[in-house]
Amino acid sequence: MSGVPSDALVIFGVTGDLAYKQIFSSLLGLVRDEGLNVPIVGVAKSGWGLDQLKDHAKKSLAQHSPVDAQAQDRLLSLLHYVDGDYADPSTFSRLYAELGNATHPLNYLAVPPAMFGAVAGGIAKAGTVRDARLVIEKPFGHDRASAKTLNTMLRKTFPEENIFRIDHFLGKEPVQNLLYTRFANPMFEPIWNRQHVRSIQITMAESFGVDDRARFYDATGANRDVLQNHLLQVLAHIAMDPPTGEESEAMRDQKASLLKAVRPIDPVDVVRGQYRGYRDIAGVRPASTVETFIAVKLFIESWRWEGVPIYIRTGKNMPVTATEVSVEFHRPPRETFGELVPSGSAHMRFRLGPDMAIGMGLRVKQPGERMVGNDMELMLSTQAATYRPPYQRLLGDALHGKGDLFGREDIVDAQWRVVQGILDDAAPLYTYEPGSWGPDEALQLIGGDGPWRDPQAAEAARKASS
């Protein structure tokens, strides 16, 4: 049923935090911008009725969406509600009845991963699979083995083409812009390889801690939370080959090829950190060894990228909240003007958040008689962060059966393969101060390929030169 629009949307966990913060506002956008007009059936065990769900939705919209009374009324009119336990077959029987004439609903599992099996099994036993699609939230497993087990379980009920593994990062406009900029501008392709690229850096820094989700985070850590999924997907966008042909799977085929070529990370190429005070947070184990910071060095075993070091770091309680990719180019084989030029002067920078920007680093001559220059950044593009919310984009795609922005089984397996050897306590854990850039050992990791690019400094230098 590829390409056939879903004729109903079922949201399991509709009274939960994810639905409140993200889903209702995205549904409003789909109603307002794309004319969504199918039954939306919420399922949860809260002891609620439909009126309480509508009140809950109104509160969510008031907090997370611009005022649009007409679109809100239309959205509320589409809502249905089934209250019940996912372990109770009668819950799914009532859901089946609530779906009415719908023959290919989209089932969105906004529930903890431990509930995936119960919900998928309940859907199957009640006959509500019909020609249904299934959307599940990350994390897709806790390691490679559990991810394979999860996929095997889901495939018993749903074909792969009807399983949509959602990673909201892929729905973000700046992440999509990585692909567009690379493949829509032919000037970049001749230099996008090991002959011209010296190194690649990816940084995802967050200035806040884990206070609001400590219990989840202490069972997950920075590796599983963002490195294994978000940041390896960003790497795929920056390093994959162009998709071939116009088949719907062409883009994911190239992502899969790239990720399968990434060498599994060795523990000696990892620095793990935990910010001081983390263990004092309610919900965190007193002797927790979970990392709130991780930096890795990896390589892609392909002709295009052989030998090019790639550095990725992410952490909580950093100096700034920002996500950036920096591609550093080799200097000329000989410095014509005899200068000692610092590394990083020739680069391309993609800022993915909180705003979007693309810049190119250049050496520009200083005024005067001497042939000496300064590092400058040419701003190619900058935009405010006024984009369609990622969940609106992704839910809209799933409703229409478009899988380009979702994880495929082989892609998810390739991502776990890359990090499998560095999960949990495979590398030492160092303490770092809140508000710093993590442990000093991260500087040793990048060594002569550094320093790490500071998103604050890069932005400040750009503004100063503009």
Protein backbone atom coordinates (compact mmCIF):
# COMPACT_ATOMS: atom_id res chain seq x y z
CA MET A 1 0.00 0.00 0.00
CA SER A 2 2.95 2.28 -0.61
CA GLY A 3 1.76 5.78 -1.44
CA VAL A 4 -1.87 5.16 -0.37
CA PRO A 5 -2.86 7.73 2.29
CA SER A 6 -3.83 6.37 5.68
CA ASP A 7 -7.51 6.84 6.46
CA ALA A 8 -7.16 7.02 10.26
CA LEU A 9 -4.49 7.88 12.83
CA VAL A 10 -4.23 5.96 16.10
CA ILE A 11 -2.01 7.45 18.84
CA PHE A 12 -1.08 5.04 21.62
CA GLY A 13 0.09 6.98 24.67
CA VAL A 14 -1.99 10.03 23.73
CA THR A 15 -2.06 11.32 27.33
CA GLY A 16 1.73 11.16 27.69
CA ASP A 17 4.46 13.78 27.70
CA LEU A 18 5.51 13.34 24.06
CA ALA A 19 1.99 13.85 22.75
CA TYR A 20 1.54 16.90 24.97
CA LYS A 21 4.80 18.59 23.95
CA GLN A 22 5.05 17.60 20.28
CA ILE A 23 2.18 15.66 18.73
CA PHE A 24 -0.89 17.85 19.27
CA SER A 25 0.86 20.93 17.88
CA SER A 26 2.03 18.91 14.88
CA LEU A 27 -1.48 17.59 14.28
CA LEU A 28 -2.76 21.16 14.35
CA GLY A 29 -0.20 22.02 11.67
CA LEU A 30 -1.32 19.08 9.53
CA VAL A 31 -4.96 20.15 9.84
CA ARG A 32 -4.15 23.81 9.12
CA ASP A 33 -1.51 23.42 6.40
CA GLU A 34 -2.25 20.09 4.75
CA GLY A 35 -5.97 19.57 5.25
CA LEU A 36 -5.73 16.49 7.48
CA ASN A 37 -9.28 15.17 7.79
CA VAL A 38 -9.22 11.59 9.12
CA PRO A 39 -10.32 10.16 12.48
CA ILE A 40 -7.65 10.57 15.18
CA VAL A 41 -8.10 7.91 17.86
CA GLY A 42 -6.18 8.36 21.10
CA VAL A 43 -5.51 5.29 23.25
CA ALA A 44 -4.24 5.36 26.84
CA LYS A 45 -4.92 4.06 30.32
CA SER A 46 -5.80 7.23 32.19
CA GLY A 47 -9.42 6.76 33.22
CA TRP A 48 -10.37 9.58 30.88
CA GLY A 49 -13.20 10.21 28.47
CA LEU A 50 -13.23 12.12 25.20
CA ASP A 51 -13.99 15.47 26.82
CA GLN A 52 -10.96 15.17 29.07
CA LEU A 53 -8.76 14.34 26.09
CA LYS A 54 -10.03 17.43 24.26
CA ASP A 55 -9.31 19.61 27.29
CA HIS A 56 -5.82 18.11 27.46
CA ALA A 57 -5.29 18.84 23.76
CA LYS A 58 -6.44 22.47 24.22
CA LYS A 59 -3.93 22.99 27.02
CA SER A 60 -1.17 21.53 24.87
CA LEU A 61 -2.05 23.75 21.91
CA ALA A 62 -2.25 26.85 24.10
CA GLN A 63 1.30 26.18 25.28
CA HIS A 64 2.97 24.95 22.09
CA SER A 65 1.11 26.37 19.06
CA PRO A 66 0.17 29.77 17.65
CA VAL A 67 -3.48 30.65 18.12
CA ASP A 68 -5.70 29.36 15.31
CA ALA A 69 -9.23 28.83 16.60
CA GLN A 70 -10.58 27.49 13.32
CA ALA A 71 -7.87 24.84 12.91
CA GLN A 72 -8.15 23.90 16.59
CA ASP A 73 -11.90 23.33 16.29
CA ARG A 74 -11.35 21.13 13.24
CA LEU A 75 -8.67 19.11 15.05
CA LEU A 76 -10.83 18.62 18.14
CA SER A 77 -13.72 17.42 15.97
CA LEU A 78 -11.49 14.63 14.62
CA LEU A 79 -10.54 13.28 18.05
CA HIS A 80 -11.79 9.95 19.44
CA TYR A 81 -10.67 8.20 22.61
CA VAL A 82 -10.31 4.62 23.85
CA ASP A 83 -9.32 4.15 27.49
CA GLY A 84 -7.79 0.83 28.44
CA ASP A 85 -4.79 -1.32 29.30
CA TYR A 86 -2.55 -2.46 26.44
CA ALA A 87 -2.48 -5.95 27.98
CA ASP A 88 -6.28 -6.17 27.81
CA PRO A 89 -7.61 -7.55 24.49
CA SER A 90 -10.86 -5.62 24.96
CA THR A 91 -8.93 -2.36 24.56
CA PHE A 92 -8.06 -3.32 20.99
CA SER A 93 -11.56 -4.65 20.30
CA ARG A 94 -12.97 -1.24 21.23
CA LEU A 95 -10.29 0.40 19.09
CA TYR A 96 -11.35 -1.81 16.18
CA ALA A 97 -14.94 -0.62 16.60
CA GLU A 98 -13.85 3.03 16.91
CA LEU A 99 -11.99 2.85 13.60
CA GLY A 100 -15.26 2.18 11.81
CA ASN A 101 -14.73 1.95 8.05
CA ALA A 102 -11.02 2.76 8.14
CA THR A 103 -9.05 0.07 6.30
CA HIS A 104 -5.43 1.27 6.56
CA PRO A 105 -4.83 3.24 9.76
CA LEU A 106 -1.48 4.64 10.87
CA ASN A 107 -0.67 3.38 14.38
CA TYR A 108 1.72 5.69 16.22
CA LEU A 109 3.35 4.20 19.33
CA ALA A 110 4.17 7.17 21.58
CA VAL A 111 4.85 4.69 24.40
CA PRO A 112 8.00 3.35 26.10
CA PRO A 113 9.92 0.78 24.01
CA ALA A 114 9.05 -1.93 26.55
CA MET A 115 5.43 -1.60 25.40
CA PHE A 116 6.07 -2.00 21.66
CA GLY A 117 5.55 -5.75 21.71
CA ALA A 118 2.32 -5.64 23.72
CA VAL A 119 0.81 -2.94 21.50
CA ALA A 120 1.86 -4.51 18.17
CA GLY A 121 0.58 -7.89 19.38
CA GLY A 122 -2.71 -6.39 20.52
CA ILE A 123 -3.21 -4.71 17.16
CA ALA A 124 -2.62 -8.01 15.38
CA LYS A 125 -4.89 -10.12 17.60
CA ALA A 126 -7.78 -7.67 17.34
CA GLY A 127 -7.57 -7.60 13.56
CA THR A 128 -6.85 -3.87 13.49
CA VAL A 129 -3.73 -4.42 11.40
CA ARG A 130 -5.77 -4.61 8.21
CA ASP A 131 -3.53 -2.67 5.82
CA ALA A 132 -2.02 -0.68 8.65
CA ARG A 133 1.21 1.24 9.15
CA LEU A 134 3.20 1.38 12.37
CA VAL A 135 5.29 4.29 13.69
CA ILE A 136 7.67 3.63 16.59
CA GLU A 137 9.86 6.06 18.50
CA LYS A 138 13.56 5.66 19.18
CA PRO A 139 15.43 4.08 20.83
CA PHE A 140 15.10 1.08 18.52
CA GLY A 141 16.48 -1.43 20.97
CA HIS A 142 19.14 -1.04 23.68
CA ASP A 143 21.95 -2.63 21.67
CA ARG A 144 22.39 -4.48 18.38
CA ALA A 145 20.97 -7.79 19.62
CA SER A 146 17.84 -6.25 21.17
CA ALA A 147 17.27 -4.16 18.04
CA LYS A 148 17.30 -7.33 15.95
CA THR A 149 14.87 -8.96 18.38
CA LEU A 150 12.56 -5.95 18.16
CA ASN A 151 12.63 -5.95 14.37
CA THR A 152 11.90 -9.69 14.23
CA MET A 153 8.93 -9.19 16.53
CA LEU A 154 7.52 -6.26 14.52
CA ARG A 155 8.00 -8.04 11.20
CA LYS A 156 5.71 -10.85 12.39
CA THR A 157 2.84 -8.37 12.21
CA PHE A 158 3.90 -5.62 9.80
CA PRO A 159 5.90 -5.76 6.56
CA GLU A 160 9.06 -3.65 6.56
CA GLU A 161 7.58 -1.11 4.14
CA ASN A 162 4.83 -0.37 6.69
CA ILE A 163 7.18 0.16 9.67
CA PHE A 164 8.25 3.76 10.21
CA ARG A 165 11.06 4.17 12.78
CA ILE A 166 10.83 7.84 13.67
CA ASP A 167 13.88 9.93 14.54
CA HIS A 168 12.62 13.51 14.82
CA PHE A 169 16.11 14.84 14.01
CA LEU A 170 15.63 13.72 10.39
CA GLY A 171 12.54 15.92 10.10
CA LYS A 172 14.44 19.09 10.93
CA GLU A 173 14.84 21.56 8.07
CA PRO A 174 18.57 22.25 8.67
CA VAL A 175 19.35 18.51 8.56
CA GLN A 176 17.48 18.23 5.25
CA ASN A 177 19.44 21.24 4.04
CA LEU A 178 22.70 19.31 4.41
CA LEU A 179 21.62 17.00 1.62
CA TYR A 180 20.16 19.76 -0.51
CA THR A 181 23.24 21.97 -0.31
CA ARG A 182 25.56 19.10 -1.18
CA PHE A 183 23.65 17.68 -4.12
CA ALA A 184 22.04 20.82 -5.58
CA ASN A 185 25.38 22.67 -5.98
CA PRO A 186 27.83 20.91 -8.33
CA MET A 187 30.80 22.99 -7.13
CA PHE A 188 31.10 20.90 -3.95
CA GLU A 189 31.23 17.38 -5.38
CA PRO A 190 34.80 17.59 -6.85
CA ILE A 191 36.26 18.52 -3.45
CA TRP A 192 34.06 16.28 -1.26
CA ASN A 193 36.60 13.48 -0.82
CA ARG A 194 39.83 12.40 0.85
CA GLN A 195 42.03 14.31 -1.60
CA HIS A 196 40.63 17.64 -0.41
CA VAL A 197 39.05 17.05 3.02
CA ARG A 198 41.44 16.94 5.98
CA SER A 199 38.90 16.10 8.70
CA ILE A 200 35.24 16.38 9.69
CA GLN A 201 33.83 17.51 13.04
CA ILE A 202 30.27 17.18 14.32
CA THR A 203 29.26 18.83 17.59
CA MET A 204 25.90 18.65 19.34
CA ALA A 205 26.14 20.67 22.55
CA GLU A 206 23.34 21.31 25.04
CA SER A 207 23.69 23.95 27.76
CA PHE A 208 21.17 22.22 30.05
CA GLY A 209 21.37 19.05 32.14
CA VAL A 210 19.10 16.04 32.49
CA ASP A 211 16.91 17.16 35.42
CA ASP A 212 13.60 16.77 33.56
CA ARG A 213 14.34 13.25 32.26
CA ALA A 214 16.94 11.87 34.66
CA ARG A 215 15.45 8.40 35.10
CA PHE A 216 15.29 7.80 31.34
CA TYR A 217 18.71 9.30 30.75
CA ASP A 218 20.40 7.23 33.44
CA ALA A 219 19.31 4.08 31.58
CA THR A 220 20.40 5.51 28.23
CA GLY A 221 23.34 7.94 28.21
CA ALA A 222 24.71 10.22 25.51
CA ASN A 223 25.79 7.36 23.24
CA ARG A 224 22.36 5.75 22.95
CA ASP A 225 20.44 9.03 23.24
CA VAL A 226 22.02 10.96 20.36
CA LEU A 227 25.28 9.49 19.00
CA GLN A 228 23.92 6.13 17.81
CA ASN A 229 20.97 7.75 16.04
CA HIS A 230 20.91 11.53 15.48
CA LEU A 231 24.60 12.11 14.91
CA LEU A 232 25.32 9.03 12.81
CA GLN A 233 22.41 10.14 10.62
CA VAL A 234 24.01 13.59 10.31
CA LEU A 235 27.25 11.85 9.33
CA ALA A 236 25.37 9.91 6.66
CA HIS A 237 23.96 13.16 5.26
CA ILE A 238 27.36 14.82 5.11
CA ALA A 239 29.29 11.83 3.70
CA MET A 240 26.92 9.65 1.63
CA ASP A 241 27.11 9.36 -2.14
CA PRO A 242 24.35 10.94 -4.26
CA PRO A 243 21.23 8.77 -4.62
CA THR A 244 21.03 6.98 -7.94
CA GLY A 245 17.84 6.89 -9.97
CA GLU A 246 14.41 7.99 -8.79
CA GLU A 247 13.30 4.95 -6.82
CA SER A 248 11.71 5.82 -3.48
CA GLU A 249 14.39 3.86 -1.61
CA ALA A 250 17.35 5.47 -3.42
CA MET A 251 18.14 7.90 -0.61
CA ARG A 252 17.99 5.28 2.13
CA ASP A 253 20.04 2.88 0.02
CA GLN A 254 22.91 5.38 -0.03
CA LYS A 255 22.58 6.08 3.69
CA ALA A 256 22.72 2.37 4.39
CA SER A 257 25.79 1.97 2.16
CA LEU A 258 27.60 4.78 3.97
CA LEU A 259 26.78 3.58 7.48
CA LYS A 260 27.78 0.01 6.64
CA ALA A 261 31.18 1.38 5.59
CA VAL A 262 31.81 3.09 8.94
CA ARG A 263 34.42 1.16 10.89
CA PRO A 264 33.12 0.03 14.32
CA ILE A 265 34.48 2.46 16.89
CA ASP A 266 37.33 1.19 19.06
CA PRO A 267 37.16 2.02 22.80
CA VAL A 268 40.60 3.67 22.55
CA ASP A 269 38.98 6.27 20.27
CA VAL A 270 36.32 7.24 22.82
CA VAL A 271 36.21 9.76 25.66
CA ARG A 272 33.28 9.50 28.05
CA GLY A 273 32.43 12.17 30.62
CA GLN A 274 29.88 12.87 33.33
CA TYR A 275 29.28 16.38 34.61
CA ARG A 276 29.89 17.09 38.27
CA GLY A 277 26.66 16.92 40.25
CA TYR A 278 24.90 14.49 37.90
CA ARG A 279 24.72 11.75 40.53
CA ASP A 280 22.93 14.11 42.94
CA ILE A 281 19.89 14.44 40.66
CA ALA A 282 16.69 12.64 41.69
CA GLY A 283 16.26 9.53 39.54
CA VAL A 284 20.00 9.01 38.97
CA ARG A 285 21.72 6.04 40.63
CA PRO A 286 24.21 7.16 43.31
CA ALA A 287 27.08 5.25 41.64
CA SER A 288 25.96 5.82 38.05
CA THR A 289 28.61 5.44 35.34
CA VAL A 290 26.35 6.72 32.55
CA GLU A 291 28.02 9.27 30.28
CA THR A 292 26.53 12.75 29.83
CA PHE A 293 29.32 13.54 27.31
CA ILE A 294 30.91 11.42 24.64
CA ALA A 295 33.52 12.18 21.98
CA VAL A 296 34.59 9.65 19.36
CA LYS A 297 36.99 9.33 16.45
CA LEU A 298 35.89 7.18 13.55
CA PHE A 299 36.70 6.35 9.94
CA ILE A 300 34.72 5.43 6.84
CA GLU A 301 36.22 2.57 4.85
CA SER A 302 35.47 3.75 1.33
CA TRP A 303 37.45 5.16 -1.58
CA ARG A 304 35.90 8.57 -1.04
CA TRP A 305 36.73 8.86 2.67
CA GLU A 306 39.62 6.45 3.33
CA GLY A 307 41.94 7.91 5.97
CA VAL A 308 39.85 11.01 6.74
CA PRO A 309 39.36 11.25 10.53
CA ILE A 310 35.86 12.11 11.70
CA TYR A 311 35.29 13.49 15.18
CA ILE A 312 31.89 13.59 16.86
CA ARG A 313 31.10 14.97 20.31
CA THR A 314 27.92 15.58 22.24
CA GLY A 315 27.21 16.50 25.82
CA LYS A 316 24.97 18.01 28.45
CA ASN A 317 25.79 21.14 30.47
CA MET A 318 28.02 22.54 27.74
CA PRO A 319 28.71 26.30 27.36
CA VAL A 320 26.08 26.69 24.62
CA THR A 321 23.24 24.87 22.89
CA ALA A 322 24.27 24.39 19.28
CA THR A 323 24.65 21.71 16.62
CA GLU A 324 27.27 22.17 13.91
CA VAL A 325 29.15 20.25 11.24
CA SER A 326 32.54 21.48 10.11
CA VAL A 327 34.34 20.09 7.06
CA GLU A 328 37.99 21.15 7.10
CA PHE A 329 39.89 21.20 3.81
CA HIS A 330 43.59 20.62 3.24
CA ARG A 331 45.79 23.67 2.90
CA PRO A 332 47.59 24.08 -0.45
CA PRO A 333 50.63 21.80 -0.81
CA ARG A 334 52.83 24.89 -0.49
CA GLU A 335 52.04 28.20 1.23
CA THR A 336 52.79 30.62 -1.59
CA PHE A 337 53.20 33.63 0.70
CA GLY A 338 55.22 31.92 3.41
CA GLU A 339 52.62 32.36 6.15
CA LEU A 340 52.10 30.07 9.10
CA VAL A 341 48.39 29.47 8.51
CA PRO A 342 46.42 27.91 11.38
CA SER A 343 44.49 24.72 10.78
CA GLY A 344 40.80 25.15 10.11
CA SER A 345 41.20 28.28 8.02
CA ALA A 346 39.75 26.51 4.97
CA HIS A 347 36.46 24.97 5.99
CA MET A 348 32.76 24.71 5.38
CA ARG A 349 30.46 25.06 8.38
CA PHE A 350 26.86 23.90 8.63
CA ARG A 351 24.97 25.20 11.65
CA LEU A 352 21.97 22.95 12.29
CA GLY A 353 20.60 24.57 15.42
CA PRO A 354 19.23 26.50 17.10
CA ASP A 355 19.29 28.56 13.89
CA MET A 356 20.48 27.51 10.43
CA ALA A 357 23.57 28.87 8.72
CA ILE A 358 26.15 27.84 6.14
CA GLY A 359 29.56 29.46 6.07
CA MET A 360 32.84 28.96 4.21
CA GLY A 361 36.21 29.78 5.76
CA LEU A 362 38.67 31.71 3.59
CA ARG A 363 42.01 33.53 3.90
CA VAL A 364 41.64 37.17 2.89
CA LYS A 365 44.54 39.62 2.42
CA GLN A 366 45.01 42.37 4.96
CA PRO A 367 45.17 45.90 3.51
CA GLY A 368 48.71 47.13 3.02
CA GLU A 369 51.99 46.24 1.34
CA ARG A 370 52.58 42.87 2.96
CA MET A 371 51.10 39.67 1.50
CA VAL A 372 49.54 38.46 4.73
CA GLY A 373 45.96 37.61 5.49
CA ASN A 374 43.28 36.94 8.06
CA ASP A 375 40.84 34.08 8.41
CA MET A 376 37.35 35.17 7.38
CA GLU A 377 34.07 33.34 6.99
CA LEU A 378 31.95 33.93 3.92
CA MET A 379 28.31 33.52 4.93
CA LEU A 380 26.54 31.61 2.19
CA SER A 381 23.18 31.37 3.90
CA THR A 382 21.54 32.18 7.21
CA GLN A 383 17.94 31.72 8.27
CA ALA A 384 15.93 32.14 11.43
CA ALA A 385 14.53 29.03 13.02
CA THR A 386 10.99 29.32 11.67
CA TYR A 387 10.52 25.91 10.15
CA ARG A 388 7.75 23.38 9.94
CA PRO A 389 8.01 21.30 13.16
CA PRO A 390 9.80 17.99 12.51
CA TYR A 391 6.93 15.88 13.84
CA GLN A 392 4.52 17.62 11.48
CA ARG A 393 6.73 16.74 8.53
CA LEU A 394 7.31 13.15 9.67
CA LEU A 395 3.73 12.33 10.63
CA GLY A 396 2.57 13.79 7.32
CA ASP A 397 5.04 11.60 5.45
CA ALA A 398 4.03 8.49 7.40
CA LEU A 399 0.35 9.14 6.71
CA HIS A 400 1.20 9.13 2.99
CA GLY A 401 3.50 6.11 3.17
CA LYS A 402 6.70 8.07 2.41
CA GLY A 403 9.59 6.36 4.21
CA ASP A 404 12.57 8.47 3.06
CA LEU A 405 13.05 10.20 6.43
CA PHE A 406 12.58 7.11 8.58
CA GLY A 407 14.96 4.43 9.78
CA ARG A 408 15.06 1.22 7.78
CA GLU A 409 15.91 -2.09 9.42
CA ASP A 410 19.36 -2.39 7.81
CA ILE A 411 20.18 1.26 8.59
CA VAL A 412 19.31 0.83 12.26
CA ASP A 413 21.41 -2.34 12.40
CA ALA A 414 24.37 -0.54 10.78
CA GLN A 415 24.17 2.24 13.36
CA TRP A 416 24.21 -0.23 16.26
CA ARG A 417 27.14 -2.06 14.65
CA VAL A 418 29.19 1.16 14.71
CA VAL A 419 28.72 1.76 18.46
CA GLN A 420 28.25 -1.78 19.78
CA GLY A 421 31.83 -2.04 21.03
CA ILE A 422 31.68 1.23 22.99
CA LEU A 423 28.39 0.82 24.85
CA ASP A 424 28.16 1.22 28.62
CA ASP A 425 31.53 1.10 30.44
CA ALA A 426 33.74 0.08 27.51
CA ALA A 427 35.82 3.27 27.98
CA PRO A 428 36.85 5.15 31.16
CA LEU A 429 34.52 7.79 32.61
CA TYR A 430 35.91 11.25 33.43
CA THR A 431 34.31 14.06 35.42
CA TYR A 432 33.88 17.52 33.89
CA GLU A 433 32.61 20.82 35.21
CA PRO A 434 29.14 22.04 34.17
CA GLY A 435 29.51 24.82 31.62
CA SER A 436 32.76 23.43 30.21
CA TRP A 437 33.44 21.61 26.93
CA GLY A 438 33.80 18.26 28.65
CA PRO A 439 36.86 16.39 29.93
CA ASP A 440 40.33 17.53 28.86
CA GLU A 441 40.85 14.04 27.46
CA ALA A 442 38.61 15.08 24.52
CA LEU A 443 41.37 17.52 23.49
CA GLN A 444 43.86 14.66 23.52
CA LEU A 445 41.52 12.57 21.37
CA ILE A 446 41.42 15.12 18.56
CA GLY A 447 45.13 15.96 18.99
CA GLY A 448 46.80 17.40 15.89
CA ASP A 449 43.54 17.31 13.94
CA GLY A 450 42.13 19.91 16.32
CA PRO A 451 41.28 21.99 17.98
CA TRP A 452 37.59 21.29 18.36
CA ARG A 453 35.64 24.06 16.70
CA ASP A 454 33.77 26.22 19.21
CA PRO A 455 30.30 27.12 17.86
CA GLN A 456 30.26 30.24 20.04
CA ALA A 457 33.63 31.45 18.78
CA ALA A 458 32.78 30.69 15.17
CA GLU A 459 29.53 32.65 15.38
CA ALA A 460 31.20 35.55 17.20
CA ALA A 461 33.97 35.74 14.61
CA ARG A 462 31.44 35.72 11.79
CA LYS A 463 29.44 38.58 13.33
CA ALA A 464 32.60 40.56 14.01
CA SER A 465 33.72 40.27 10.38
CA SER A 466 30.31 41.09 8.88
